[in-house]
Amino acid sequence: MKAIRGYDVHGITTDWVAGCYNCFFQSSHFWKTKKACIEDMDRLVSLFPPIMRVWPGDKLQVEDGSICEVINVNKNLAMMDVRRGEGRPVFTIADTHVIRWPWELEQEGGTEQ
């Protein structure tokens, strides 16, 4: 999702809306500033289930306290293939085994193991 500039029928730029070019999903509110639009977009995305917001390459903390890298995500089954470090074996976990998601680690500044 990103901030998208709206246009009227004459092609003149109007307000900002949070949306996605790939799936045409967008918020129903228009904003006068890009900053307000981005804040709305962040709020909107935070309402999605965590499994819908995690991607390969993200880091998360699992039940045993270790930090794992996401290798693959099956959003339909709410399962992820993860590993504890480069060269370590890959294993599968359910989203219920995650203690802290990537955005929670970023907030706390703790992406180190």
Protein backbone atom coordinates (compact mmCIF):
# COMPACT_ATOMS: atom_id res chain seq x y z
CA MET A 1 0.00 0.00 0.00
CA LYS A 2 1.12 3.52 -0.62
CA ALA A 3 -0.13 7.07 -0.67
CA ILE A 4 -1.83 7.71 -4.02
CA ARG A 5 -2.70 11.11 -5.41
CA GLY A 6 -6.32 11.40 -6.55
CA TYR A 7 -7.32 13.12 -9.81
CA ASP A 8 -10.57 14.67 -10.86
CA VAL A 9 -12.14 14.25 -14.33
CA HIS A 10 -9.95 17.06 -15.71
CA GLY A 11 -6.73 15.40 -14.54
CA ILE A 12 -6.14 17.94 -11.79
CA THR A 13 -4.50 16.59 -8.64
CA THR A 14 -6.79 16.42 -5.63
CA ASP A 15 -6.48 14.79 -2.21
CA TRP A 16 -4.43 11.76 -1.12
CA VAL A 17 -5.84 8.26 -0.57
CA ALA A 18 -4.14 5.14 0.87
CA GLY A 19 -4.30 2.34 -1.67
CA CYS A 20 -2.71 -0.47 -3.64
CA TYR A 21 -2.06 -0.36 -7.40
CA ASN A 22 -1.94 -4.18 -7.62
CA CYS A 23 -5.31 -5.06 -6.12
CA PHE A 24 -7.10 -1.69 -6.27
CA PHE A 25 -7.80 -1.79 -2.52
CA GLN A 26 -8.01 1.68 -1.00
CA SER A 27 -9.18 3.49 2.08
CA SER A 28 -12.49 5.28 1.84
CA HIS A 29 -11.13 8.56 3.21
CA PHE A 30 -9.29 11.27 1.29
CA TRP A 31 -6.63 13.40 2.98
CA LYS A 32 -5.32 16.90 2.25
CA THR A 33 -1.72 15.97 3.13
CA LYS A 34 0.44 13.00 2.22
CA LYS A 35 1.53 12.68 5.89
CA ALA A 36 -2.07 12.26 7.09
CA CYS A 37 -2.66 9.72 4.32
CA ILE A 38 0.38 7.65 5.34
CA GLU A 39 -0.74 7.68 8.98
CA ASP A 40 -4.17 6.43 7.87
CA MET A 41 -2.53 3.77 5.71
CA ASP A 42 -0.42 2.55 8.65
CA ARG A 43 -3.53 2.38 10.84
CA LEU A 44 -5.43 0.49 8.15
CA VAL A 45 -2.66 -2.06 7.58
CA SER A 46 -2.32 -2.61 11.35
CA LEU A 47 -5.87 -4.01 11.31
CA PHE A 48 -4.79 -6.89 9.02
CA PRO A 49 -3.95 -10.21 10.77
CA PRO A 50 -0.18 -10.44 11.47
CA ILE A 51 0.28 -13.39 9.09
CA MET A 52 -0.91 -11.11 6.25
CA ARG A 53 1.81 -8.56 7.04
CA VAL A 54 4.90 -10.78 7.33
CA TRP A 55 7.18 -11.46 4.34
CA PRO A 56 10.22 -13.61 3.52
CA GLY A 57 13.31 -11.95 4.94
CA ASP A 58 11.49 -10.52 7.97
CA LYS A 59 12.78 -11.33 11.45
CA LEU A 60 10.52 -12.43 14.30
CA GLN A 61 10.85 -13.88 17.79
CA VAL A 62 9.50 -17.37 18.48
CA GLU A 63 8.39 -19.08 21.71
CA ASP A 64 11.87 -20.17 22.81
CA GLY A 65 13.02 -16.54 22.62
CA SER A 66 15.21 -16.93 19.54
CA ILE A 67 15.08 -14.56 16.58
CA CYS A 68 14.24 -16.31 13.31
CA GLU A 69 14.25 -15.24 9.68
CA VAL A 70 11.10 -15.93 7.68
CA ILE A 71 11.89 -18.03 4.59
CA ASN A 72 8.39 -18.71 3.26
CA VAL A 73 4.83 -17.80 4.32
CA ASN A 74 1.65 -19.81 3.74
CA LYS A 75 -0.97 -17.20 4.53
CA ASN A 76 -3.88 -19.61 3.96
CA LEU A 77 -2.64 -22.06 6.62
CA ALA A 78 -1.09 -19.35 8.85
CA MET A 79 2.24 -21.25 8.74
CA MET A 80 5.79 -20.04 8.09
CA ASP A 81 9.08 -21.68 7.24
CA VAL A 82 11.77 -20.04 9.37
CA ARG A 83 15.41 -20.54 10.38
CA ARG A 84 17.47 -19.34 13.32
CA GLY A 85 20.45 -18.26 11.23
CA GLU A 86 22.26 -18.61 7.90
CA GLY A 87 23.06 -22.24 7.21
CA ARG A 88 20.79 -23.48 10.01
CA PRO A 89 17.94 -25.92 9.27
CA VAL A 90 14.58 -24.56 8.15
CA PHE A 91 11.54 -25.52 10.24
CA THR A 92 7.83 -24.75 10.06
CA ILE A 93 5.87 -22.88 12.72
CA ALA A 94 2.29 -21.69 13.11
CA ASP A 95 1.64 -17.99 13.60
CA THR A 96 0.54 -18.81 17.17
CA HIS A 97 4.20 -19.62 18.01
CA VAL A 98 5.34 -16.05 17.35
CA ILE A 99 5.99 -13.92 20.44
CA ARG A 100 7.02 -10.72 18.62
CA TRP A 101 6.41 -9.80 14.99
CA PRO A 102 8.88 -7.75 12.87
CA TRP A 103 7.17 -4.41 13.59
CA GLU A 104 7.25 -5.18 17.33
CA LEU A 105 10.98 -5.94 17.16
CA GLU A 106 11.57 -2.67 15.28
CA GLN A 107 9.63 -0.69 17.91
CA GLU A 108 11.78 -2.14 20.67
CA GLY A 109 14.97 -1.89 18.63
CA GLY A 110 15.69 -5.56 19.18
CA THR A 111 16.37 -7.48 16.00
CA GLU A 112 19.60 -8.98 17.34
CA GLN A 113 19.78 -12.50 18.75
